[in-house]
Amino acid sequence: MWADVELLVMTGLRPLLPGVRVVDELPDRLETRVPLVSVLVVGGDDDRITDTATVDLASFAATRAEAWALAEQSRRAMHSLAATHNPGQRAVIDDVTTSQRPAIVPYGNPAVRRALATYTVSARTRAAT
C-alpha cells in the first residue's frame, strides 16, 4: 500500500500555514477564499518501497506581494515536512526537495494572483507498531 502523498502534504501543511486554506481541489469563487494553497501530485516514480512524488503547490492570494509571501512561507513549510511521521496515515515523509522554485504564473481571474512551485516528496508507508 502506498502513502497518499497529497493527503500527507495537506495534513502536514495545515498547522504550519495558520489562516491559510490547504486543499486538493479549488473551490468556487476562489477570490473570496484566499489565501489558499492547492496541493496536486503531478507525477513521480517508486522503487517498490519509497514513493517519490512530484507535487505542485499553487499559492493563491489577492495581490502579487501576498502570493509571493505565501509561496515562500509554503516553501519553508514544505521543507519542514522532511523526516516527519503521520501516525494517522502510518506514513513517513523522508525528504522534500524543491524541483522548481516559486514563480508567479498568470491566473484567469484578475482578483487572484498565483505563485506555482514544484517539489519532490519521498514518502513511504510505515508498518503498524
C-alpha atoms as a PDB file:
ATOM      1  CA  MET A   1       0.000   0.000   0.000  1.00  0.00           C
ATOM      2  CA  TRP A   2       1.328   3.423  -0.939  1.00  0.00           C
ATOM      3  CA  ALA A   3       1.089   6.569   1.131  1.00  0.00           C
ATOM      4  CA  ASP A   4      -1.397   9.180  -0.101  1.00  0.00           C
ATOM      5  CA  VAL A   5       1.163  11.917  -0.728  1.00  0.00           C
ATOM      6  CA  GLU A   6      -1.420  14.649  -1.412  1.00  0.00           C
ATOM      7  CA  LEU A   7      -3.115  13.918   1.906  1.00  0.00           C
ATOM      8  CA  LEU A   8       0.233  13.686   3.715  1.00  0.00           C
ATOM      9  CA  VAL A   9       1.299  17.081   2.386  1.00  0.00           C
ATOM     10  CA  MET A  10      -2.056  18.748   3.076  1.00  0.00           C
ATOM     11  CA  THR A  11      -2.194  17.315   6.602  1.00  0.00           C
ATOM     12  CA  GLY A  12       1.374  18.399   7.250  1.00  0.00           C
ATOM     13  CA  LEU A  13       0.982  21.920   5.849  1.00  0.00           C
ATOM     14  CA  ARG A  14      -2.260  22.898   7.590  1.00  0.00           C
ATOM     15  CA  PRO A  15      -0.776  23.522  11.063  1.00  0.00           C
ATOM     16  CA  LEU A  16       2.261  25.233   9.501  1.00  0.00           C
ATOM     17  CA  LEU A  17       0.151  27.703   7.495  1.00  0.00           C
ATOM     18  CA  PRO A  18      -2.321  29.152  10.019  1.00  0.00           C
ATOM     19  CA  GLY A  19      -5.147  31.118   8.430  1.00  0.00           C
ATOM     20  CA  VAL A  20      -4.489  29.543   5.014  1.00  0.00           C
ATOM     21  CA  ARG A  21      -6.821  27.027   3.381  1.00  0.00           C
ATOM     22  CA  VAL A  22      -4.857  23.992   2.142  1.00  0.00           C
ATOM     23  CA  VAL A  23      -6.832  21.971  -0.407  1.00  0.00           C
ATOM     24  CA  ASP A  24      -6.520  19.463  -3.225  1.00  0.00           C
ATOM     25  CA  GLU A  25      -9.373  20.969  -5.290  1.00  0.00           C
ATOM     26  CA  LEU A  26     -10.037  24.637  -5.917  1.00  0.00           C
ATOM     27  CA  PRO A  27     -13.296  25.970  -4.501  1.00  0.00           C
ATOM     28  CA  ASP A  28     -15.863  28.035  -6.386  1.00  0.00           C
ATOM     29  CA  ARG A  29     -15.403  31.800  -6.072  1.00  0.00           C
ATOM     30  CA  LEU A  30     -11.697  31.389  -5.346  1.00  0.00           C
ATOM     31  CA  GLU A  31     -11.254  35.154  -4.979  1.00  0.00           C
ATOM     32  CA  THR A  32     -13.384  35.012  -1.797  1.00  0.00           C
ATOM     33  CA  ARG A  33     -11.375  32.127  -0.322  1.00  0.00           C
ATOM     34  CA  VAL A  34      -7.784  33.409  -0.452  1.00  0.00           C
ATOM     35  CA  PRO A  35      -5.208  32.916   0.959  1.00  0.00           C
ATOM     36  CA  LEU A  36      -5.231  29.345  -0.271  1.00  0.00           C
ATOM     37  CA  VAL A  37      -2.653  26.687  -1.166  1.00  0.00           C
ATOM     38  CA  SER A  38      -3.527  23.919  -3.583  1.00  0.00           C
ATOM     39  CA  VAL A  39      -1.642  20.585  -3.434  1.00  0.00           C
ATOM     40  CA  LEU A  40      -1.542  18.352  -6.516  1.00  0.00           C
ATOM     41  CA  VAL A  41       0.561  15.259  -7.246  1.00  0.00           C
ATOM     42  CA  VAL A  42       1.513  15.520 -10.927  1.00  0.00           C
ATOM     43  CA  GLY A  43       3.873  12.567 -11.360  1.00  0.00           C
ATOM     44  CA  GLY A  44       6.748  10.643  -9.879  1.00  0.00           C
ATOM     45  CA  ASP A  45       8.008   7.099  -9.531  1.00  0.00           C
ATOM     46  CA  ASP A  46       8.779   4.468  -6.917  1.00  0.00           C
ATOM     47  CA  ASP A  47      11.422   1.912  -6.022  1.00  0.00           C
ATOM     48  CA  ARG A  48       8.838  -0.513  -4.599  1.00  0.00           C
ATOM     49  CA  ILE A  49       9.352   0.923  -1.119  1.00  0.00           C
ATOM     50  CA  THR A  50       9.535   4.697  -1.452  1.00  0.00           C
ATOM     51  CA  ASP A  51       7.040   6.714  -3.484  1.00  0.00           C
ATOM     52  CA  THR A  52       8.861   9.690  -4.978  1.00  0.00           C
ATOM     53  CA  ALA A  53       6.082  12.086  -5.953  1.00  0.00           C
ATOM     54  CA  THR A  54       6.254  15.306  -7.937  1.00  0.00           C
ATOM     55  CA  VAL A  55       3.986  17.776  -6.152  1.00  0.00           C
ATOM     56  CA  ASP A  56       2.782  21.143  -7.455  1.00  0.00           C
ATOM     57  CA  LEU A  57       1.922  23.755  -4.843  1.00  0.00           C
ATOM     58  CA  ALA A  58      -0.089  26.724  -6.048  1.00  0.00           C
ATOM     59  CA  SER A  59      -0.287  29.669  -3.669  1.00  0.00           C
ATOM     60  CA  PHE A  60      -3.284  31.919  -4.299  1.00  0.00           C
ATOM     61  CA  ALA A  61      -3.679  35.410  -2.831  1.00  0.00           C
ATOM     62  CA  ALA A  62      -5.333  38.744  -3.569  1.00  0.00           C
ATOM     63  CA  THR A  63      -2.124  40.564  -4.560  1.00  0.00           C
ATOM     64  CA  ARG A  64       1.172  39.664  -6.171  1.00  0.00           C
ATOM     65  CA  ALA A  65       3.093  40.543  -2.986  1.00  0.00           C
ATOM     66  CA  GLU A  66       0.801  38.325  -0.902  1.00  0.00           C
ATOM     67  CA  ALA A  67       1.173  35.458  -3.391  1.00  0.00           C
ATOM     68  CA  TRP A  68       4.975  35.754  -3.194  1.00  0.00           C
ATOM     69  CA  ALA A  69       4.923  35.820   0.602  1.00  0.00           C
ATOM     70  CA  LEU A  70       2.595  32.819   0.773  1.00  0.00           C
ATOM     71  CA  ALA A  71       4.715  30.876  -1.733  1.00  0.00           C
ATOM     72  CA  GLU A  72       7.854  31.458   0.358  1.00  0.00           C
ATOM     73  CA  GLN A  73       6.030  30.577   3.573  1.00  0.00           C
ATOM     74  CA  SER A  74       4.797  27.403   1.845  1.00  0.00           C
ATOM     75  CA  ARG A  75       8.316  26.571   0.658  1.00  0.00           C
ATOM     76  CA  ARG A  76       9.671  26.756   4.213  1.00  0.00           C
ATOM     77  CA  ALA A  77       6.734  24.658   5.418  1.00  0.00           C
ATOM     78  CA  MET A  78       7.271  22.040   2.697  1.00  0.00           C
ATOM     79  CA  HIS A  79      10.926  21.610   3.658  1.00  0.00           C
ATOM     80  CA  SER A  80       9.988  21.240   7.321  1.00  0.00           C
ATOM     81  CA  LEU A  81       7.889  18.176   6.379  1.00  0.00           C
ATOM     82  CA  ALA A  82      11.071  16.163   5.702  1.00  0.00           C
ATOM     83  CA  ALA A  83      11.691  13.423   8.287  1.00  0.00           C
ATOM     84  CA  THR A  84       8.142  13.563   9.666  1.00  0.00           C
ATOM     85  CA  HIS A  85       5.711  10.790  10.513  1.00  0.00           C
ATOM     86  CA  ASN A  86       1.938  10.930  10.171  1.00  0.00           C
ATOM     87  CA  PRO A  87       0.620   8.299  12.593  1.00  0.00           C
ATOM     88  CA  GLY A  88      -2.953   8.605  11.298  1.00  0.00           C
ATOM     89  CA  GLN A  89      -1.826   7.504   7.852  1.00  0.00           C
ATOM     90  CA  ARG A  90       1.002   5.278   9.087  1.00  0.00           C
ATOM     91  CA  ALA A  91       3.249   7.114   6.660  1.00  0.00           C
ATOM     92  CA  VAL A  92       6.602   8.861   6.689  1.00  0.00           C
ATOM     93  CA  ILE A  93       7.841  11.746   4.572  1.00  0.00           C
ATOM     94  CA  ASP A  94      11.547  11.059   4.239  1.00  0.00           C
ATOM     95  CA  ASP A  95      12.612  14.035   2.159  1.00  0.00           C
ATOM     96  CA  VAL A  96      11.342  17.143   0.373  1.00  0.00           C
ATOM     97  CA  THR A  97      13.345  18.986  -2.267  1.00  0.00           C
ATOM     98  CA  THR A  98      12.486  21.950  -4.430  1.00  0.00           C
ATOM     99  CA  SER A  99      12.302  20.976  -8.103  1.00  0.00           C
ATOM    100  CA  GLN A 100      11.059  24.370  -9.305  1.00  0.00           C
ATOM    101  CA  ARG A 101      11.239  27.390  -7.038  1.00  0.00           C
ATOM    102  CA  PRO A 102       8.110  29.558  -6.673  1.00  0.00           C
ATOM    103  CA  ALA A 103       7.257  31.738  -9.644  1.00  0.00           C
ATOM    104  CA  ILE A 104       4.316  33.973 -10.393  1.00  0.00           C
ATOM    105  CA  VAL A 105       2.088  32.340 -13.015  1.00  0.00           C
ATOM    106  CA  PRO A 106      -0.862  34.238 -14.517  1.00  0.00           C
ATOM    107  CA  TYR A 107      -4.308  33.137 -13.424  1.00  0.00           C
ATOM    108  CA  GLY A 108      -7.528  33.748 -15.358  1.00  0.00           C
ATOM    109  CA  ASN A 109      -9.177  35.770 -12.601  1.00  0.00           C
ATOM    110  CA  PRO A 110      -7.932  39.369 -12.186  1.00  0.00           C
ATOM    111  CA  ALA A 111      -8.874  39.269  -8.483  1.00  0.00           C
ATOM    112  CA  VAL A 112      -6.445  36.406  -7.804  1.00  0.00           C
ATOM    113  CA  ARG A 113      -2.678  36.113  -8.048  1.00  0.00           C
ATOM    114  CA  ARG A 114      -0.916  32.740  -8.173  1.00  0.00           C
ATOM    115  CA  ALA A 115       2.597  31.515  -7.473  1.00  0.00           C
ATOM    116  CA  LEU A 116       3.463  27.972  -8.513  1.00  0.00           C
ATOM    117  CA  ALA A 117       6.267  25.758  -7.173  1.00  0.00           C
ATOM    118  CA  THR A 118       7.133  22.097  -7.672  1.00  0.00           C
ATOM    119  CA  TYR A 119       8.602  19.773  -5.055  1.00  0.00           C
ATOM    120  CA  THR A 120       9.820  16.187  -4.945  1.00  0.00           C
ATOM    121  CA  VAL A 121       8.410  14.372  -1.924  1.00  0.00           C
ATOM    122  CA  SER A 122       9.764  10.962  -0.909  1.00  0.00           C
ATOM    123  CA  ALA A 123       7.260   9.075   1.239  1.00  0.00           C
ATOM    124  CA  ARG A 124       6.580   5.538   2.339  1.00  0.00           C
ATOM    125  CA  THR A 125       4.126   3.655   4.468  1.00  0.00           C
ATOM    126  CA  ARG A 126       5.194   2.510   7.882  1.00  0.00           C
ATOM    127  CA  ALA A 127       4.214  -0.800   9.389  1.00  0.00           C
ATOM    128  CA  ALA A 128       1.862  -0.675  12.344  1.00  0.00           C
ATOM    129  CA  THR A 129       3.703  -0.899  15.658  1.00  0.00           C
END
